[in-house]
Every structure is written in structure tokens, then in C-alpha cells.
C-alpha atoms as a PDB file:
ATOM      1  CA  UNK A   1       0.000   0.000   0.000  1.00  0.00           C
ATOM      2  CA  UNK A   2       1.047   3.595  -0.484  1.00  0.00           C
ATOM      3  CA  UNK A   3       1.668   4.283   3.187  1.00  0.00           C
ATOM      4  CA  UNK A   4       4.087   1.387   3.759  1.00  0.00           C
ATOM      5  CA  UNK A   5       7.370   3.227   3.253  1.00  0.00           C
ATOM      6  CA  UNK A   6       6.292   6.225   5.281  1.00  0.00           C
ATOM      7  CA  UNK A   7       5.103   4.008   8.106  1.00  0.00           C
ATOM      8  CA  UNK A   8       8.443   2.248   8.205  1.00  0.00           C
ATOM      9  CA  UNK A   9      10.333   5.526   8.160  1.00  0.00           C
ATOM     10  CA  UNK A  10       8.331   7.000  11.009  1.00  0.00           C
ATOM     11  CA  UNK A  11       8.582   3.776  12.974  1.00  0.00           C
ATOM     12  CA  UNK A  12      12.337   3.957  12.536  1.00  0.00           C
ATOM     13  CA  UNK A  13      12.263   7.425  14.054  1.00  0.00           C
ATOM     14  CA  UNK A  14      10.567   5.937  17.099  1.00  0.00           C
ATOM     15  CA  UNK A  15      13.131   3.130  17.314  1.00  0.00           C
ATOM     16  CA  UNK A  16      15.925   5.663  17.185  1.00  0.00           C
ATOM     17  CA  UNK A  17      14.586   7.507  20.209  1.00  0.00           C
ATOM     18  CA  UNK A  18      16.055   6.949  23.671  1.00  0.00           C
ATOM     19  CA  UNK A  19      14.413   3.980  25.359  1.00  0.00           C
ATOM     20  CA  UNK A  20      12.604   5.798  28.127  1.00  0.00           C
ATOM     21  CA  UNK A  21       9.417   4.176  29.329  1.00  0.00           C
ATOM     22  CA  UNK A  22       6.393   4.887  27.167  1.00  0.00           C
ATOM     23  CA  UNK A  23       2.918   5.217  28.621  1.00  0.00           C
ATOM     24  CA  UNK A  24       0.582   2.289  27.945  1.00  0.00           C
ATOM     25  CA  UNK A  25      -1.145   2.468  24.570  1.00  0.00           C
ATOM     26  CA  UNK A  26      -4.234   4.610  24.794  1.00  0.00           C
ATOM     27  CA  UNK A  27      -7.332   4.137  22.661  1.00  0.00           C
ATOM     28  CA  UNK A  28      -5.726   4.643  19.277  1.00  0.00           C
ATOM     29  CA  UNK A  29      -9.005   4.118  17.431  1.00  0.00           C
ATOM     30  CA  UNK A  30     -10.008   7.751  18.114  1.00  0.00           C
ATOM     31  CA  UNK A  31      -7.557   8.804  15.384  1.00  0.00           C
ATOM     32  CA  UNK A  32      -9.020   6.499  12.712  1.00  0.00           C
ATOM     33  CA  UNK A  33     -11.200   7.679   9.805  1.00  0.00           C
ATOM     34  CA  UNK A  34     -14.884   8.146  10.605  1.00  0.00           C
ATOM     35  CA  UNK A  35     -16.802   4.932  10.030  1.00  0.00           C
ATOM     36  CA  UNK A  36     -13.746   2.719   9.556  1.00  0.00           C
ATOM     37  CA  UNK A  37     -14.923  -0.861   9.065  1.00  0.00           C
ATOM     38  CA  UNK A  38     -11.506  -2.511   8.784  1.00  0.00           C
ATOM     39  CA  UNK A  39      -9.301  -2.619  11.876  1.00  0.00           C
ATOM     40  CA  UNK A  40      -5.847  -4.121  12.372  1.00  0.00           C
ATOM     41  CA  UNK A  41      -3.929  -3.947  15.653  1.00  0.00           C
ATOM     42  CA  UNK A  42      -0.328  -5.129  15.987  1.00  0.00           C
ATOM     43  CA  UNK A  43       1.009  -5.421  19.531  1.00  0.00           C
ATOM     44  CA  UNK A  44       4.757  -4.979  18.980  1.00  0.00           C
ATOM     45  CA  UNK A  45       5.600  -5.509  22.639  1.00  0.00           C
ATOM     46  CA  UNK A  46       3.885  -8.890  22.586  1.00  0.00           C
ATOM     47  CA  UNK A  47       6.117  -9.934  19.683  1.00  0.00           C
ATOM     48  CA  UNK A  48       9.275  -8.740  21.448  1.00  0.00           C
ATOM     49  CA  UNK A  49       8.385 -10.550  24.668  1.00  0.00           C
ATOM     50  CA  UNK A  50       7.248 -13.854  23.114  1.00  0.00           C
ATOM     51  CA  UNK A  51       9.454 -16.790  24.183  1.00  0.00           C
ATOM     52  CA  UNK A  52       8.829 -18.575  20.887  1.00  0.00           C
ATOM     53  CA  UNK A  53      10.285 -15.618  18.955  1.00  0.00           C
ATOM     54  CA  UNK A  54      13.216 -15.117  21.318  1.00  0.00           C
ATOM     55  CA  UNK A  55      14.147 -18.770  20.889  1.00  0.00           C
ATOM     56  CA  UNK A  56      13.479 -18.955  17.152  1.00  0.00           C
ATOM     57  CA  UNK A  57      15.665 -16.033  16.011  1.00  0.00           C
ATOM     58  CA  UNK A  58      19.037 -17.237  17.400  1.00  0.00           C
ATOM     59  CA  UNK A  59      18.247 -20.777  16.255  1.00  0.00           C
ATOM     60  CA  UNK A  60      17.456 -19.536  12.737  1.00  0.00           C
ATOM     61  CA  UNK A  61      20.660 -17.467  12.612  1.00  0.00           C
ATOM     62  CA  UNK A  62      22.664 -20.472  13.769  1.00  0.00           C
ATOM     63  CA  UNK A  63      21.070 -22.788  11.221  1.00  0.00           C
ATOM     64  CA  UNK A  64      21.351 -20.410   8.275  1.00  0.00           C
ATOM     65  CA  UNK A  65      24.568 -18.561   9.208  1.00  0.00           C
ATOM     66  CA  UNK A  66      26.359 -19.794   6.086  1.00  0.00           C
ATOM     67  CA  UNK A  67      23.536 -18.544   3.872  1.00  0.00           C
ATOM     68  CA  UNK A  68      23.619 -15.179   5.696  1.00  0.00           C
ATOM     69  CA  UNK A  69      27.337 -14.854   5.012  1.00  0.00           C
ATOM     70  CA  UNK A  70      26.735 -15.601   1.329  1.00  0.00           C
ATOM     71  CA  UNK A  71      24.108 -12.840   1.178  1.00  0.00           C
ATOM     72  CA  UNK A  72      26.499 -10.392   2.843  1.00  0.00           C
ATOM     73  CA  UNK A  73      29.237 -11.243   0.343  1.00  0.00           C
ATOM     74  CA  UNK A  74      26.790 -10.627  -2.503  1.00  0.00           C
ATOM     75  CA  UNK A  75      25.894  -7.216  -1.049  1.00  0.00           C
ATOM     76  CA  UNK A  76      29.576  -6.376  -0.641  1.00  0.00           C
ATOM     77  CA  UNK A  77      30.170  -7.219  -4.294  1.00  0.00           C
ATOM     78  CA  UNK A  78      27.373  -4.870  -5.362  1.00  0.00           C
ATOM     79  CA  UNK A  79      27.998  -2.009  -2.922  1.00  0.00           C
ATOM     80  CA  UNK A  80      31.516  -0.480  -2.716  1.00  0.00           C
ATOM     81  CA  UNK A  81      30.768   0.994   0.721  1.00  0.00           C
ATOM     82  CA  UNK A  82      29.806  -2.398   2.134  1.00  0.00           C
ATOM     83  CA  UNK A  83      33.065  -3.855   0.816  1.00  0.00           C
ATOM     84  CA  UNK A  84      34.885  -2.006   3.602  1.00  0.00           C
ATOM     85  CA  UNK A  85      33.323  -4.342   6.179  1.00  0.00           C
ATOM     86  CA  UNK A  86      35.527  -7.384   6.715  1.00  0.00           C
ATOM     87  CA  UNK A  87      34.140 -10.907   6.787  1.00  0.00           C
ATOM     88  CA  UNK A  88      35.533 -11.236  10.309  1.00  0.00           C
ATOM     89  CA  UNK A  89      33.323  -8.341  11.445  1.00  0.00           C
ATOM     90  CA  UNK A  90      30.305  -9.875   9.750  1.00  0.00           C
ATOM     91  CA  UNK A  91      31.021 -13.264  11.318  1.00  0.00           C
ATOM     92  CA  UNK A  92      31.312 -11.676  14.759  1.00  0.00           C
ATOM     93  CA  UNK A  93      27.888 -10.064  14.288  1.00  0.00           C
ATOM     94  CA  UNK A  94      26.369 -13.356  13.146  1.00  0.00           C
ATOM     95  CA  UNK A  95      27.931 -15.218  16.081  1.00  0.00           C
ATOM     96  CA  UNK A  96      26.484 -12.623  18.463  1.00  0.00           C
ATOM     97  CA  UNK A  97      23.000 -13.097  17.008  1.00  0.00           C
ATOM     98  CA  UNK A  98      23.252 -16.842  17.631  1.00  0.00           C
ATOM     99  CA  UNK A  99      23.203 -16.128  21.375  1.00  0.00           C
ATOM    100  CA  UNK A 100      19.729 -15.957  22.965  1.00  0.00           C
ATOM    101  CA  UNK A 101      20.964 -13.327  25.415  1.00  0.00           C
ATOM    102  CA  UNK A 102      21.881 -10.985  22.540  1.00  0.00           C
ATOM    103  CA  UNK A 103      18.317 -11.143  21.210  1.00  0.00           C
ATOM    104  CA  UNK A 104      16.847 -10.818  24.711  1.00  0.00           C
ATOM    105  CA  UNK A 105      18.922  -7.712  25.459  1.00  0.00           C
ATOM    106  CA  UNK A 106      18.051  -6.099  22.116  1.00  0.00           C
ATOM    107  CA  UNK A 107      14.318  -6.817  22.498  1.00  0.00           C
ATOM    108  CA  UNK A 108      14.288  -5.559  26.080  1.00  0.00           C
ATOM    109  CA  UNK A 109      15.928  -2.319  24.944  1.00  0.00           C
ATOM    110  CA  UNK A 110      13.439  -1.903  22.075  1.00  0.00           C
ATOM    111  CA  UNK A 111      10.227  -2.776  23.928  1.00  0.00           C
ATOM    112  CA  UNK A 112       9.268   0.845  24.622  1.00  0.00           C
ATOM    113  CA  UNK A 113      10.365   2.270  21.266  1.00  0.00           C
ATOM    114  CA  UNK A 114       7.266   1.225  19.277  1.00  0.00           C
ATOM    115  CA  UNK A 115       4.535  -0.474  21.282  1.00  0.00           C
ATOM    116  CA  UNK A 116       1.515  -0.654  18.956  1.00  0.00           C
ATOM    117  CA  UNK A 117       0.637  -0.187  15.306  1.00  0.00           C
ATOM    118  CA  UNK A 118      -3.025   0.278  14.359  1.00  0.00           C
ATOM    119  CA  UNK A 119      -4.445   0.448  10.843  1.00  0.00           C
ATOM    120  CA  UNK A 120      -8.022   1.459  10.126  1.00  0.00           C
ATOM    121  CA  UNK A 121      -9.858   2.061   6.882  1.00  0.00           C
ATOM    122  CA  UNK A 122     -13.098   2.138   4.966  1.00  0.00           C
ATOM    123  CA  UNK A 123     -13.653  -0.658   2.448  1.00  0.00           C
ATOM    124  CA  UNK A 124     -13.824   0.564  -1.120  1.00  0.00           C
ATOM    125  CA  UNK A 125     -12.263   3.944  -0.297  1.00  0.00           C
ATOM    126  CA  UNK A 126      -8.572   3.740  -1.116  1.00  0.00           C
ATOM    127  CA  UNK A 127      -7.599   7.013   0.542  1.00  0.00           C
ATOM    128  CA  UNK A 128      -9.762   6.544   3.654  1.00  0.00           C
ATOM    129  CA  UNK A 129      -7.135   4.729   5.706  1.00  0.00           C
ATOM    130  CA  UNK A 130      -4.837   5.668   8.547  1.00  0.00           C
ATOM    131  CA  UNK A 131      -1.808   4.072  10.204  1.00  0.00           C
ATOM    132  CA  UNK A 132      -1.344   4.990  13.858  1.00  0.00           C
ATOM    133  CA  UNK A 133       1.996   4.206  15.494  1.00  0.00           C
ATOM    134  CA  UNK A 134       2.272   4.391  19.284  1.00  0.00           C
ATOM    135  CA  UNK A 135       5.959   4.967  19.929  1.00  0.00           C
ATOM    136  CA  UNK A 136       8.324   6.457  22.456  1.00  0.00           C
ATOM    137  CA  UNK A 137       7.194   9.806  23.831  1.00  0.00           C
ATOM    138  CA  UNK A 138      10.602  11.208  22.937  1.00  0.00           C
ATOM    139  CA  UNK A 139       9.183  11.414  19.396  1.00  0.00           C
ATOM    140  CA  UNK A 140       7.778  14.932  19.615  1.00  0.00           C
ATOM    141  CA  UNK A 141       6.528  17.392  16.987  1.00  0.00           C
ATOM    142  CA  UNK A 142       9.783  19.334  17.442  1.00  0.00           C
ATOM    143  CA  UNK A 143      11.855  16.208  16.839  1.00  0.00           C
ATOM    144  CA  UNK A 144       9.935  15.373  13.685  1.00  0.00           C
ATOM    145  CA  UNK A 145      10.372  18.910  12.382  1.00  0.00           C
ATOM    146  CA  UNK A 146      14.113  18.434  12.708  1.00  0.00           C
ATOM    147  CA  UNK A 147      13.979  15.091  10.899  1.00  0.00           C
ATOM    148  CA  UNK A 148      11.780  16.572   8.169  1.00  0.00           C
ATOM    149  CA  UNK A 149      14.508  19.095   7.389  1.00  0.00           C
ATOM    150  CA  UNK A 150      16.905  16.221   6.747  1.00  0.00           C
ATOM    151  CA  UNK A 151      14.369  14.329   4.638  1.00  0.00           C
ATOM    152  CA  UNK A 152      13.641  17.496   2.661  1.00  0.00           C
ATOM    153  CA  UNK A 153      17.266  17.518   1.554  1.00  0.00           C
ATOM    154  CA  UNK A 154      16.704  14.316  -0.398  1.00  0.00           C
ATOM    155  CA  UNK A 155      15.883  15.314  -4.008  1.00  0.00           C
ATOM    156  CA  UNK A 156      13.945  12.064  -4.511  1.00  0.00           C
ATOM    157  CA  UNK A 157      11.464  12.906  -1.755  1.00  0.00           C
ATOM    158  CA  UNK A 158       9.084  15.831  -2.064  1.00  0.00           C
ATOM    159  CA  UNK A 159       8.164  17.104   1.384  1.00  0.00           C
ATOM    160  CA  UNK A 160       5.806  19.968   2.166  1.00  0.00           C
ATOM    161  CA  UNK A 161       4.245  21.050   5.437  1.00  0.00           C
ATOM    162  CA  UNK A 162       1.503  23.359   6.645  1.00  0.00           C
ATOM    163  CA  UNK A 163      -0.142  24.172   9.962  1.00  0.00           C
ATOM    164  CA  UNK A 164      -3.731  23.208  10.763  1.00  0.00           C
ATOM    165  CA  UNK A 165      -5.321  23.727  14.150  1.00  0.00           C
ATOM    166  CA  UNK A 166      -1.963  24.137  15.844  1.00  0.00           C
ATOM    167  CA  UNK A 167      -0.558  20.919  14.341  1.00  0.00           C
ATOM    168  CA  UNK A 168       1.966  20.514  11.532  1.00  0.00           C
ATOM    169  CA  UNK A 169       0.699  18.383   8.643  1.00  0.00           C
ATOM    170  CA  UNK A 170       3.327  16.843   6.348  1.00  0.00           C
ATOM    171  CA  UNK A 171       2.684  16.041   2.704  1.00  0.00           C
ATOM    172  CA  UNK A 172       5.087  13.380   1.403  1.00  0.00           C
ATOM    173  CA  UNK A 173       5.546  12.292  -2.211  1.00  0.00           C
ATOM    174  CA  UNK A 174       7.904   9.375  -2.793  1.00  0.00           C
ATOM    175  CA  UNK A 175       9.588   8.200  -6.013  1.00  0.00           C
ATOM    176  CA  UNK A 176       7.369   5.991  -8.167  1.00  0.00           C
ATOM    177  CA  UNK A 177       4.398   7.009  -5.993  1.00  0.00           C
ATOM    178  CA  UNK A 178       3.033  10.272  -7.442  1.00  0.00           C
ATOM    179  CA  UNK A 179       0.027  10.347  -5.102  1.00  0.00           C
ATOM    180  CA  UNK A 180       1.110  12.018  -1.839  1.00  0.00           C
ATOM    181  CA  UNK A 181       0.695  10.692   1.688  1.00  0.00           C
ATOM    182  CA  UNK A 182       0.087  12.814   4.766  1.00  0.00           C
ATOM    183  CA  UNK A 183       1.438  12.585   8.302  1.00  0.00           C
ATOM    184  CA  UNK A 184       0.923  14.295  11.650  1.00  0.00           C
ATOM    185  CA  UNK A 185       1.803  13.954  15.323  1.00  0.00           C
ATOM    186  CA  UNK A 186      -1.402  14.699  17.233  1.00  0.00           C
ATOM    187  CA  UNK A 187       0.629  14.299  20.444  1.00  0.00           C
ATOM    188  CA  UNK A 188       4.099  13.196  21.489  1.00  0.00           C
ATOM    189  CA  UNK A 189       4.544   9.493  20.892  1.00  0.00           C
ATOM    190  CA  UNK A 190       1.655   9.127  18.425  1.00  0.00           C
ATOM    191  CA  UNK A 191       2.368   9.165  14.676  1.00  0.00           C
ATOM    192  CA  UNK A 192      -0.434   9.109  12.088  1.00  0.00           C
ATOM    193  CA  UNK A 193       0.058   8.460   8.378  1.00  0.00           C
ATOM    194  CA  UNK A 194      -2.869   8.543   5.971  1.00  0.00           C
ATOM    195  CA  UNK A 195      -3.875   8.551   2.348  1.00  0.00           C
ATOM    196  CA  UNK A 196      -5.752  11.844   2.322  1.00  0.00           C
ATOM    197  CA  UNK A 197      -5.397  15.336   3.739  1.00  0.00           C
ATOM    198  CA  UNK A 198      -8.881  15.184   5.249  1.00  0.00           C
ATOM    199  CA  UNK A 199      -8.224  11.937   7.150  1.00  0.00           C
ATOM    200  CA  UNK A 200      -4.954  13.199   8.617  1.00  0.00           C
ATOM    201  CA  UNK A 201      -6.341  16.617   9.548  1.00  0.00           C
ATOM    202  CA  UNK A 202      -9.121  14.894  11.483  1.00  0.00           C
ATOM    203  CA  UNK A 203      -6.579  12.584  13.128  1.00  0.00           C
ATOM    204  CA  UNK A 204      -4.639  15.650  14.262  1.00  0.00           C
ATOM    205  CA  UNK A 205      -7.625  16.582  16.443  1.00  0.00           C
ATOM    206  CA  UNK A 206      -7.779  13.093  17.974  1.00  0.00           C
ATOM    207  CA  UNK A 207     -11.523  13.353  18.371  1.00  0.00           C
ATOM    208  CA  UNK A 208     -12.934  11.362  15.478  1.00  0.00           C
ATOM    209  CA  UNK A 209     -15.739   8.828  15.765  1.00  0.00           C
ATOM    210  CA  UNK A 210     -13.285   6.135  14.679  1.00  0.00           C
ATOM    211  CA  UNK A 211     -14.588   2.637  14.073  1.00  0.00           C
ATOM    212  CA  UNK A 212     -18.077   2.024  12.714  1.00  0.00           C
ATOM    213  CA  UNK A 213     -20.574   0.439  15.106  1.00  0.00           C
ATOM    214  CA  UNK A 214     -20.204  -3.242  14.179  1.00  0.00           C
ATOM    215  CA  UNK A 215     -16.447  -2.978  13.797  1.00  0.00           C
ATOM    216  CA  UNK A 216     -16.188  -1.254  17.174  1.00  0.00           C
ATOM    217  CA  UNK A 217     -18.045  -4.158  18.757  1.00  0.00           C
ATOM    218  CA  UNK A 218     -15.755  -6.640  17.028  1.00  0.00           C
ATOM    219  CA  UNK A 219     -12.665  -4.703  18.107  1.00  0.00           C
ATOM    220  CA  UNK A 220     -13.726  -5.284  21.696  1.00  0.00           C
ATOM    221  CA  UNK A 221     -12.865  -8.954  21.112  1.00  0.00           C
ATOM    222  CA  UNK A 222      -9.175  -8.024  21.060  1.00  0.00           C
ATOM    223  CA  UNK A 223      -7.166  -9.216  24.052  1.00  0.00           C
ATOM    224  CA  UNK A 224      -4.030  -7.638  25.481  1.00  0.00           C
ATOM    225  CA  UNK A 225      -2.200 -10.895  24.769  1.00  0.00           C
ATOM    226  CA  UNK A 226      -2.904 -10.733  21.014  1.00  0.00           C
ATOM    227  CA  UNK A 227       0.099 -10.048  18.801  1.00  0.00           C
ATOM    228  CA  UNK A 228      -2.122  -9.510  15.760  1.00  0.00           C
ATOM    229  CA  UNK A 229      -5.836  -8.775  15.777  1.00  0.00           C
ATOM    230  CA  UNK A 230      -7.968  -8.091  12.712  1.00  0.00           C
ATOM    231  CA  UNK A 231     -11.644  -7.144  12.538  1.00  0.00           C
ATOM    232  CA  UNK A 232     -13.909  -6.150   9.680  1.00  0.00           C
ATOM    233  CA  UNK A 233     -17.570  -5.554   8.997  1.00  0.00           C
ATOM    234  CA  UNK A 234     -18.988  -6.004   5.496  1.00  0.00           C
ATOM    235  CA  UNK A 235     -21.094  -3.381   3.793  1.00  0.00           C
ATOM    236  CA  UNK A 236     -23.928  -5.858   3.431  1.00  0.00           C
ATOM    237  CA  UNK A 237     -24.189  -5.625  -0.349  1.00  0.00           C
ATOM    238  CA  UNK A 238     -21.549  -8.209  -1.280  1.00  0.00           C
ATOM    239  CA  UNK A 239     -22.447 -11.888  -1.056  1.00  0.00           C
ATOM    240  CA  UNK A 240     -18.768 -12.859  -1.001  1.00  0.00           C
ATOM    241  CA  UNK A 241     -17.771 -10.594   1.895  1.00  0.00           C
ATOM    242  CA  UNK A 242     -18.382 -11.661   5.510  1.00  0.00           C
ATOM    243  CA  UNK A 243     -21.041  -9.721   7.352  1.00  0.00           C
ATOM    244  CA  UNK A 244     -18.516  -9.535  10.166  1.00  0.00           C
ATOM    245  CA  UNK A 245     -15.248 -11.239  11.030  1.00  0.00           C
ATOM    246  CA  UNK A 246     -12.340 -11.175  13.435  1.00  0.00           C
ATOM    247  CA  UNK A 247      -9.121 -13.112  13.873  1.00  0.00           C
ATOM    248  CA  UNK A 248      -6.246 -13.172  16.330  1.00  0.00           C
ATOM    249  CA  UNK A 249      -2.705 -14.522  16.479  1.00  0.00           C
ATOM    250  CA  UNK A 250      -0.968 -14.983  19.830  1.00  0.00           C
ATOM    251  CA  UNK A 251       2.756 -15.499  20.290  1.00  0.00           C
ATOM    252  CA  UNK A 252       3.853 -16.977  23.609  1.00  0.00           C
ATOM    253  CA  UNK A 253       5.645 -20.257  24.274  1.00  0.00           C
ATOM    254  CA  UNK A 254       3.483 -21.539  21.424  1.00  0.00           C
ATOM    255  CA  UNK A 255       1.853 -19.931  18.379  1.00  0.00           C
ATOM    256  CA  UNK A 256      -1.933 -19.943  18.588  1.00  0.00           C
ATOM    257  CA  UNK A 257      -4.746 -18.314  16.702  1.00  0.00           C
ATOM    258  CA  UNK A 258      -8.484 -18.295  16.183  1.00  0.00           C
ATOM    259  CA  UNK A 259     -10.997 -16.706  13.875  1.00  0.00           C
ATOM    260  CA  UNK A 260     -14.712 -16.117  13.360  1.00  0.00           C
ATOM    261  CA  UNK A 261     -16.526 -15.055  10.208  1.00  0.00           C
ATOM    262  CA  UNK A 262     -20.270 -14.573   9.863  1.00  0.00           C
ATOM    263  CA  UNK A 263     -21.835 -14.756   6.385  1.00  0.00           C
ATOM    264  CA  UNK A 264     -25.242 -13.970   4.913  1.00  0.00           C
ATOM    265  CA  UNK A 265     -26.287 -17.608   4.748  1.00  0.00           C
ATOM    266  CA  UNK A 266     -25.423 -21.068   6.030  1.00  0.00           C
ATOM    267  CA  UNK A 267     -24.756 -22.186   2.459  1.00  0.00           C
ATOM    268  CA  UNK A 268     -22.154 -19.466   1.973  1.00  0.00           C
ATOM    269  CA  UNK A 269     -20.530 -20.314   5.315  1.00  0.00           C
ATOM    270  CA  UNK A 270     -20.306 -23.984   4.337  1.00  0.00           C
ATOM    271  CA  UNK A 271     -18.689 -23.059   1.014  1.00  0.00           C
ATOM    272  CA  UNK A 272     -16.160 -20.785   2.705  1.00  0.00           C
ATOM    273  CA  UNK A 273     -15.263 -23.435   5.307  1.00  0.00           C
ATOM    274  CA  UNK A 274     -14.769 -26.013   2.557  1.00  0.00           C
ATOM    275  CA  UNK A 275     -12.498 -23.683   0.567  1.00  0.00           C
ATOM    276  CA  UNK A 276     -10.538 -22.781   3.703  1.00  0.00           C
ATOM    277  CA  UNK A 277      -9.921 -26.442   4.500  1.00  0.00           C
ATOM    278  CA  UNK A 278      -8.831 -27.090   0.930  1.00  0.00           C
ATOM    279  CA  UNK A 279      -6.358 -24.219   1.278  1.00  0.00           C
ATOM    280  CA  UNK A 280      -5.035 -25.662   4.540  1.00  0.00           C
ATOM    281  CA  UNK A 281      -4.611 -29.090   2.927  1.00  0.00           C
ATOM    282  CA  UNK A 282      -2.686 -27.517   0.047  1.00  0.00           C
ATOM    283  CA  UNK A 283      -0.442 -25.635   2.501  1.00  0.00           C
ATOM    284  CA  UNK A 284       0.251 -28.859   4.397  1.00  0.00           C
ATOM    285  CA  UNK A 285       1.314 -30.638   1.215  1.00  0.00           C
ATOM    286  CA  UNK A 286       3.496 -27.680   0.200  1.00  0.00           C
ATOM    287  CA  UNK A 287       5.256 -27.707   3.578  1.00  0.00           C
ATOM    288  CA  UNK A 288       5.817 -31.456   3.385  1.00  0.00           C
ATOM    289  CA  UNK A 289       7.298 -31.079  -0.079  1.00  0.00           C
ATOM    290  CA  UNK A 290       9.475 -28.051   0.741  1.00  0.00           C
ATOM    291  CA  UNK A 291      10.750 -29.019   4.185  1.00  0.00           C
ATOM    292  CA  UNK A 292      10.752 -32.784   4.033  1.00  0.00           C
ATOM    293  CA  UNK A 293      10.993 -34.719   7.324  1.00  0.00           C
ATOM    294  CA  UNK A 294      11.770 -31.559   9.346  1.00  0.00           C
ATOM    295  CA  UNK A 295       8.454 -30.044   8.323  1.00  0.00           C
ATOM    296  CA  UNK A 296       6.272 -32.989   9.280  1.00  0.00           C
ATOM    297  CA  UNK A 297       5.419 -31.650  12.750  1.00  0.00           C
ATOM    298  CA  UNK A 298       4.500 -28.211  11.389  1.00  0.00           C
ATOM    299  CA  UNK A 299       2.368 -29.867   8.718  1.00  0.00           C
ATOM    300  CA  UNK A 300       0.670 -32.036  11.332  1.00  0.00           C
ATOM    301  CA  UNK A 301      -0.133 -28.987  13.484  1.00  0.00           C
ATOM    302  CA  UNK A 302      -1.586 -27.103  10.500  1.00  0.00           C
ATOM    303  CA  UNK A 303      -3.578 -30.159   9.473  1.00  0.00           C
ATOM    304  CA  UNK A 304      -5.488 -29.904  12.755  1.00  0.00           C
ATOM    305  CA  UNK A 305      -6.496 -26.295  12.021  1.00  0.00           C
ATOM    306  CA  UNK A 306      -9.844 -27.082  10.459  1.00  0.00           C
ATOM    307  CA  UNK A 307     -12.463 -24.481   9.629  1.00  0.00           C
ATOM    308  CA  UNK A 308     -15.916 -25.415  10.905  1.00  0.00           C
ATOM    309  CA  UNK A 309     -19.225 -24.048   9.620  1.00  0.00           C
ATOM    310  CA  UNK A 310     -22.068 -23.807  12.139  1.00  0.00           C
ATOM    311  CA  UNK A 311     -25.091 -22.206  10.582  1.00  0.00           C
ATOM    312  CA  UNK A 312     -23.978 -18.945   8.961  1.00  0.00           C
ATOM    313  CA  UNK A 313     -20.734 -18.745  10.970  1.00  0.00           C
ATOM    314  CA  UNK A 314     -17.287 -20.164  10.288  1.00  0.00           C
ATOM    315  CA  UNK A 315     -14.809 -20.661  13.125  1.00  0.00           C
ATOM    316  CA  UNK A 316     -11.313 -22.049  13.287  1.00  0.00           C
ATOM    317  CA  UNK A 317      -8.349 -22.458  15.600  1.00  0.00           C
ATOM    318  CA  UNK A 318      -4.607 -22.856  15.086  1.00  0.00           C
ATOM    319  CA  UNK A 319      -1.937 -24.144  17.467  1.00  0.00           C
ATOM    320  CA  UNK A 320       1.735 -24.709  16.709  1.00  0.00           C
ATOM    321  CA  UNK A 321       3.713 -25.743  19.801  1.00  0.00           C
ATOM    322  CA  UNK A 322       6.970 -23.929  20.396  1.00  0.00           C
ATOM    323  CA  UNK A 323       8.722 -27.291  20.485  1.00  0.00           C
ATOM    324  CA  UNK A 324       7.663 -27.830  16.866  1.00  0.00           C
ATOM    325  CA  UNK A 325       9.214 -24.491  15.848  1.00  0.00           C
ATOM    326  CA  UNK A 326      12.420 -25.394  17.697  1.00  0.00           C
ATOM    327  CA  UNK A 327      12.594 -28.783  15.999  1.00  0.00           C
ATOM    328  CA  UNK A 328      12.113 -27.119  12.607  1.00  0.00           C
ATOM    329  CA  UNK A 329      14.991 -24.682  13.259  1.00  0.00           C
ATOM    330  CA  UNK A 330      17.365 -27.149  14.882  1.00  0.00           C
ATOM    331  CA  UNK A 331      20.568 -27.735  12.932  1.00  0.00           C
ATOM    332  CA  UNK A 332      20.859 -30.906  10.928  1.00  0.00           C
ATOM    333  CA  UNK A 333      22.926 -33.507  12.731  1.00  0.00           C
END
């Protein structure tokens, strides 16, 4: 989507800030476009704290360290500046990332930099979306003004700004993306990036109606332990779109998830459940083929994730034990 690069850039600004404690995420939905019926919430802190992730990263680096070195050598061959970095330095960095304590220390240091990312939008309206990033409170309007001066020096990025209601609105046009994006800090530690001037100007006030009624009710299903939560409410005029749906993914010692989708009829729900199960079966066969014996436990866990139609509603659950992830990433003996 158009906002992706800007979101990453602003998130990076938050990560670069000193790691002072950030206040708990407030209700970020008040910044979203009026009547938003699509809602995505990413709990970054939950990802950083998850034991399954903290174990998986050093194991993956250890298993694929040779491939990582090959990638680095390719980059060095293409970039003269990177060629100045010795292979010994690269190997030292890779060896450090193999240690669980290195990952734990880095994640602990980063846990207050960006805590939450929320995306809200209106189906069928491409510019009626907003990304809200809850980051460190050291990211202030004054800080962003300073960064904008640096960004404005890049001839490939067109950056304009204007004041509206006491807030500075930024208009950003990136290469290959002639349609501008807009950004604002309604308060310290809250960054908003949207696809239209109107959406961002309303976000600057922080007093919008936010989610539409049904979507707001669905959003209440989100739990603090969710890493990823998605909710949507259909417009009611599309037979192929759920009337309402939500899904969650939780990262802890294990990876778990569940979903619910309500359709206009029981027949449609049965069709959707059947197609979902066919997709799961295809994914299982793909994993078996790609990973061989090491992937059998992952495939078996996915094979249990069946979608079930009950009346006009489809439900499903997913569970991949952390031990299965560890076995997948263990080095070949």
C-alpha cells in the first residue's frame, strides 16, 4: 500500500529515540477515519516478549549462518561501501545473534520504542485509511520537524508542510508514488500516516468517531495478549464478503490463533469453510514437499487447524507448539 514506506520511516524514528518508558497504549481508534470498518492492531511488545520468537531467532541465525554470510558477500560485491566491512566483522555479528541473550537484550531495549501499530480504513475507499503508530514519547513534533529538514534535503522525496489547528501536517511524495501521503503527530509518541489530507487533519484533532458500530463491537474482542488482531464488517451488499469477522494470532511459548466469520447464509458459510480447509490441505502438502521430514510436525499442526461451519458462521483455531518451531529450526545432525 502507499503508506508502507512512510510508516516504516516513522517507525524507525521511534526506534531511534532513547528507550525511556512509554505510557501504555491509549485508545488509538479515536484517530481512525470516521466509520472505519476494517481494523488491524499489531502489539509490537507482545512480539518482542514472546518466548517462541526469542528462541526462534538465534536458532534460525545459527542454522542459516552460512547462507547469511553468502548474502552479505553478494551485497559487498554490489555495494563499494559495504566492501569495507571485513568478513571477520560480519562473522562476529552473526555469532552474536546466535546467542539468545543478545536477542533478549536487544528486544528488552526496544520494547518501549514502538509499542503498537493500528491500521483502520473504509472498504472501497482507497484514501480513507490511517496508520497509527504508538511509539516512544521522545518522538515529539519538534523532533519530527528536525527530521523533516533532513528528509527534505533528499531530491527524490518531495516534502511539504503546513499548519492546521496548531498541528503541523506533512505532505510526502515518494519516487514511483506520485500520489502524496500525509502525516501528523497529534501528540508526542503518536504518529499518524494517511492517504488523504482530510483523514490526517481529522486525526490531528484526535476526536474522530473512529470505528463504525459493528467494527467497534468486534474490536472489543481483542485481548491484550494478542500479537495480531484483525476485525472487519462487510457493507452488506456483497455476497462474497463476511457480514462480520475477526481473527487473532498470539505469540507466547506456542503460536496460537483463532478466527470467526459470519456470512449472509449457512450455504455461503459452508462453502467458505470447505475452501478454507482445501487451502489448509494444500499448505500442508506444500510444507511437506518443501521441508521434508523436518516439516512434518508443522504440517501435522496445521492439518489440525480445520475451519468449521455452524449455521452462517465459520470458526477455526490454530496451534503450533513452540517445540515444533524449535525442531524445525534445529541444525541438521
